[in-house]
Amino acid sequence: MTFSNPEPEQILELLQNVRNVAMVGLSPEPSRPSFRVASGLRDLGYRIIPVRPMIDAVLGEKAFPDLESLPALPDIVDVFRAAEHVPAIVESCIRLGIKKLWLQEGVVHEAAAQHAREAGITVVMDRCMWRDASKLGARPA
């Protein structure tokens, strides 16, 4: 079966019903796409939670080495990692009970996305969360 993203109306609803965004692979470098997306999402009112080992903070927010280290579950996980890392991230989401997963533009792993869906996780793949939120006029819950 081929993966397909939710319809735009469903993506808008998703974006309006989340606030806390765990950003896996968020770079502290302002020139990196993940930093720009995180900054843009923050400007729209989302709370950014950096998930990246060996850094202390990004955009003034405390960073955590992995999803298992978060003090509370995020509303959604936004992934800025290479596709080969997605299956392990999906397994973490399943184990922790995280129900929403966003794979950023260029991050494609059909089998992992399908596995996440089968586990009851809403998945958006190969799309920019900030671009969609901006274009659709979404604001956090």
C-alpha atoms as a PDB file:
ATOM      1  CA  MET A   1       0.000   0.000   0.000  1.00  0.00           C
ATOM      2  CA  THR A   2       1.286   3.474  -0.881  1.00  0.00           C
ATOM      3  CA  PHE A   3       1.341   6.107   1.842  1.00  0.00           C
ATOM      4  CA  SER A   4      -0.737   9.242   1.331  1.00  0.00           C
ATOM      5  CA  ASN A   5      -0.905  12.312   3.522  1.00  0.00           C
ATOM      6  CA  PRO A   6      -4.087  13.508   5.181  1.00  0.00           C
ATOM      7  CA  GLU A   7      -6.252  15.940   3.219  1.00  0.00           C
ATOM      8  CA  PRO A   8      -5.543  19.687   3.721  1.00  0.00           C
ATOM      9  CA  GLU A   9      -8.592  20.064   5.995  1.00  0.00           C
ATOM     10  CA  GLN A  10      -7.277  17.253   8.198  1.00  0.00           C
ATOM     11  CA  ILE A  11      -3.791  18.814   8.269  1.00  0.00           C
ATOM     12  CA  LEU A  12      -5.325  22.151   9.322  1.00  0.00           C
ATOM     13  CA  GLU A  13      -7.268  20.427  12.100  1.00  0.00           C
ATOM     14  CA  LEU A  14      -4.101  18.630  13.227  1.00  0.00           C
ATOM     15  CA  LEU A  15      -2.109  21.882  13.296  1.00  0.00           C
ATOM     16  CA  GLN A  16      -4.844  23.662  15.255  1.00  0.00           C
ATOM     17  CA  ASN A  17      -4.995  20.919  17.881  1.00  0.00           C
ATOM     18  CA  VAL A  18      -1.325  20.823  18.836  1.00  0.00           C
ATOM     19  CA  ARG A  19       0.818  23.278  20.757  1.00  0.00           C
ATOM     20  CA  ASN A  20       3.958  21.518  22.009  1.00  0.00           C
ATOM     21  CA  VAL A  21       6.224  20.418  19.144  1.00  0.00           C
ATOM     22  CA  ALA A  22       9.169  18.118  19.875  1.00  0.00           C
ATOM     23  CA  MET A  23      11.604  18.819  17.030  1.00  0.00           C
ATOM     24  CA  VAL A  24      13.901  15.833  16.553  1.00  0.00           C
ATOM     25  CA  GLY A  25      17.157  16.922  14.924  1.00  0.00           C
ATOM     26  CA  LEU A  26      16.671  20.656  15.532  1.00  0.00           C
ATOM     27  CA  SER A  27      19.962  22.395  14.745  1.00  0.00           C
ATOM     28  CA  PRO A  28      21.274  25.318  16.818  1.00  0.00           C
ATOM     29  CA  GLU A  29      22.689  26.822  13.585  1.00  0.00           C
ATOM     30  CA  PRO A  30      20.522  29.707  12.269  1.00  0.00           C
ATOM     31  CA  SER A  31      21.442  28.839   8.672  1.00  0.00           C
ATOM     32  CA  ARG A  32      19.906  25.336   8.901  1.00  0.00           C
ATOM     33  CA  PRO A  33      16.337  24.677   7.684  1.00  0.00           C
ATOM     34  CA  SER A  34      15.326  23.106  11.003  1.00  0.00           C
ATOM     35  CA  PHE A  35      16.283  26.280  12.881  1.00  0.00           C
ATOM     36  CA  ARG A  36      14.287  28.456  10.467  1.00  0.00           C
ATOM     37  CA  VAL A  37      11.243  26.175  10.677  1.00  0.00           C
ATOM     38  CA  ALA A  38      11.424  26.092  14.485  1.00  0.00           C
ATOM     39  CA  SER A  39      11.706  29.868  14.620  1.00  0.00           C
ATOM     40  CA  GLY A  40       8.758  30.234  12.244  1.00  0.00           C
ATOM     41  CA  LEU A  41       6.605  27.818  14.216  1.00  0.00           C
ATOM     42  CA  ARG A  42       7.481  29.626  17.436  1.00  0.00           C
ATOM     43  CA  ASP A  43       6.473  32.922  15.831  1.00  0.00           C
ATOM     44  CA  LEU A  44       3.079  31.353  15.023  1.00  0.00           C
ATOM     45  CA  GLY A  45       2.639  30.484  18.709  1.00  0.00           C
ATOM     46  CA  TYR A  46       3.805  26.874  18.897  1.00  0.00           C
ATOM     47  CA  ARG A  47       6.075  25.805  21.770  1.00  0.00           C
ATOM     48  CA  ILE A  48       9.288  24.295  20.427  1.00  0.00           C
ATOM     49  CA  ILE A  49      11.013  21.467  22.316  1.00  0.00           C
ATOM     50  CA  PRO A  50      14.478  20.732  20.857  1.00  0.00           C
ATOM     51  CA  VAL A  51      15.397  17.036  20.732  1.00  0.00           C
ATOM     52  CA  ARG A  52      19.054  16.626  19.878  1.00  0.00           C
ATOM     53  CA  PRO A  53      21.919  15.087  21.834  1.00  0.00           C
ATOM     54  CA  MET A  54      24.962  17.107  22.897  1.00  0.00           C
ATOM     55  CA  ILE A  55      23.358  20.555  22.891  1.00  0.00           C
ATOM     56  CA  ASP A  56      21.926  22.463  25.842  1.00  0.00           C
ATOM     57  CA  ALA A  57      19.356  24.713  24.192  1.00  0.00           C
ATOM     58  CA  VAL A  58      18.019  26.053  20.903  1.00  0.00           C
ATOM     59  CA  LEU A  59      16.023  29.265  20.546  1.00  0.00           C
ATOM     60  CA  GLY A  60      16.154  29.654  24.321  1.00  0.00           C
ATOM     61  CA  GLU A  61      14.470  26.276  24.903  1.00  0.00           C
ATOM     62  CA  LYS A  62      16.153  23.482  26.888  1.00  0.00           C
ATOM     63  CA  ALA A  63      17.186  20.618  24.608  1.00  0.00           C
ATOM     64  CA  PHE A  64      16.737  16.917  25.350  1.00  0.00           C
ATOM     65  CA  PRO A  65      18.864  14.085  23.942  1.00  0.00           C
ATOM     66  CA  ASP A  66      15.900  11.928  22.855  1.00  0.00           C
ATOM     67  CA  LEU A  67      12.128  11.597  23.097  1.00  0.00           C
ATOM     68  CA  GLU A  68      12.445   9.314  26.122  1.00  0.00           C
ATOM     69  CA  SER A  69      14.126  12.155  28.064  1.00  0.00           C
ATOM     70  CA  LEU A  70      11.259  14.623  27.676  1.00  0.00           C
ATOM     71  CA  PRO A  71       9.589  15.582  30.989  1.00  0.00           C
ATOM     72  CA  ALA A  72       6.132  15.400  29.349  1.00  0.00           C
ATOM     73  CA  LEU A  73       4.758  14.022  26.102  1.00  0.00           C
ATOM     74  CA  PRO A  74       4.650  16.507  23.224  1.00  0.00           C
ATOM     75  CA  ASP A  75       1.499  17.008  21.179  1.00  0.00           C
ATOM     76  CA  ILE A  76       3.433  16.174  18.012  1.00  0.00           C
ATOM     77  CA  VAL A  77       6.916  15.080  16.952  1.00  0.00           C
ATOM     78  CA  ASP A  78       8.439  16.949  13.980  1.00  0.00           C
ATOM     79  CA  VAL A  79      11.370  15.065  12.439  1.00  0.00           C
ATOM     80  CA  PHE A  80      14.446  16.676  10.835  1.00  0.00           C
ATOM     81  CA  ARG A  81      16.548  13.519  10.581  1.00  0.00           C
ATOM     82  CA  ALA A  82      17.617  11.382   7.647  1.00  0.00           C
ATOM     83  CA  ALA A  83      15.111   8.732   6.601  1.00  0.00           C
ATOM     84  CA  GLU A  84      17.150   5.855   8.029  1.00  0.00           C
ATOM     85  CA  HIS A  85      16.488   7.228  11.547  1.00  0.00           C
ATOM     86  CA  VAL A  86      12.705   7.323  11.140  1.00  0.00           C
ATOM     87  CA  PRO A  87      11.956   3.690  12.133  1.00  0.00           C
ATOM     88  CA  ALA A  88      13.619   4.183  15.547  1.00  0.00           C
ATOM     89  CA  ILE A  89      11.733   7.463  16.059  1.00  0.00           C
ATOM     90  CA  VAL A  90       8.468   5.722  15.182  1.00  0.00           C
ATOM     91  CA  GLU A  91       9.252   2.987  17.720  1.00  0.00           C
ATOM     92  CA  SER A  92       9.881   5.654  20.376  1.00  0.00           C
ATOM     93  CA  CYS A  93       6.561   7.331  19.553  1.00  0.00           C
ATOM     94  CA  ILE A  94       4.728   4.003  19.819  1.00  0.00           C
ATOM     95  CA  ARG A  95       6.437   3.102  23.108  1.00  0.00           C
ATOM     96  CA  LEU A  96       5.722   6.533  24.629  1.00  0.00           C
ATOM     97  CA  GLY A  97       2.156   6.844  23.324  1.00  0.00           C
ATOM     98  CA  ILE A  98       2.782   9.887  21.118  1.00  0.00           C
ATOM     99  CA  LYS A  99      -0.092  10.037  18.617  1.00  0.00           C
ATOM    100  CA  LYS A 100       1.055  12.623  16.036  1.00  0.00           C
ATOM    101  CA  LEU A 101       4.155  12.498  13.837  1.00  0.00           C
ATOM    102  CA  TRP A 102       5.320  14.941  11.175  1.00  0.00           C
ATOM    103  CA  LEU A 103       8.179  14.045   8.830  1.00  0.00           C
ATOM    104  CA  GLN A 104       9.600  17.226   7.345  1.00  0.00           C
ATOM    105  CA  GLU A 105      10.019  17.888   3.656  1.00  0.00           C
ATOM    106  CA  GLY A 106      12.581  15.457   2.254  1.00  0.00           C
ATOM    107  CA  VAL A 107      12.154  12.952   5.091  1.00  0.00           C
ATOM    108  CA  VAL A 108      10.461   9.920   3.529  1.00  0.00           C
ATOM    109  CA  HIS A 109      10.211   6.413   4.930  1.00  0.00           C
ATOM    110  CA  GLU A 110       7.011   4.763   3.682  1.00  0.00           C
ATOM    111  CA  ALA A 111       7.331   1.553   5.707  1.00  0.00           C
ATOM    112  CA  ALA A 112       7.913   3.415   8.985  1.00  0.00           C
ATOM    113  CA  ALA A 113       5.063   5.840   8.249  1.00  0.00           C
ATOM    114  CA  GLN A 114       2.725   2.930   7.547  1.00  0.00           C
ATOM    115  CA  HIS A 115       3.860   1.145  10.712  1.00  0.00           C
ATOM    116  CA  ALA A 116       3.148   4.323  12.707  1.00  0.00           C
ATOM    117  CA  ARG A 117      -0.330   4.584  11.188  1.00  0.00           C
ATOM    118  CA  GLU A 118      -1.054   0.956  12.028  1.00  0.00           C
ATOM    119  CA  ALA A 119      -0.118   1.811  15.625  1.00  0.00           C
ATOM    120  CA  GLY A 120      -2.722   4.605  15.683  1.00  0.00           C
ATOM    121  CA  ILE A 121      -0.399   7.533  15.001  1.00  0.00           C
ATOM    122  CA  THR A 122      -1.476  10.315  12.663  1.00  0.00           C
ATOM    123  CA  VAL A 123       1.380  10.817  10.185  1.00  0.00           C
ATOM    124  CA  VAL A 124       2.216  13.632   7.777  1.00  0.00           C
ATOM    125  CA  MET A 125       5.252  12.937   5.591  1.00  0.00           C
ATOM    126  CA  ASP A 126       7.472  14.972   3.253  1.00  0.00           C
ATOM    127  CA  ARG A 127       5.820  18.305   4.067  1.00  0.00           C
ATOM    128  CA  CYS A 128       6.996  21.419   5.887  1.00  0.00           C
ATOM    129  CA  MET A 129       5.044  21.963   9.092  1.00  0.00           C
ATOM    130  CA  TRP A 130       5.773  25.708   9.179  1.00  0.00           C
ATOM    131  CA  ARG A 131       4.846  26.186   5.521  1.00  0.00           C
ATOM    132  CA  ASP A 132       1.582  24.284   5.979  1.00  0.00           C
ATOM    133  CA  ALA A 133       0.703  26.137   9.189  1.00  0.00           C
ATOM    134  CA  SER A 134       1.399  29.471   7.500  1.00  0.00           C
ATOM    135  CA  LYS A 135      -0.425  28.615   4.276  1.00  0.00           C
ATOM    136  CA  LEU A 136      -3.473  27.134   6.014  1.00  0.00           C
ATOM    137  CA  GLY A 137      -3.678  29.911   8.615  1.00  0.00           C
ATOM    138  CA  ALA A 138      -3.260  27.451  11.518  1.00  0.00           C
ATOM    139  CA  ARG A 139      -2.594  28.586  15.056  1.00  0.00           C
ATOM    140  CA  PRO A 140      -1.866  26.295  18.003  1.00  0.00           C
ATOM    141  CA  ALA A 141      -4.455  25.078  20.480  1.00  0.00           C
END
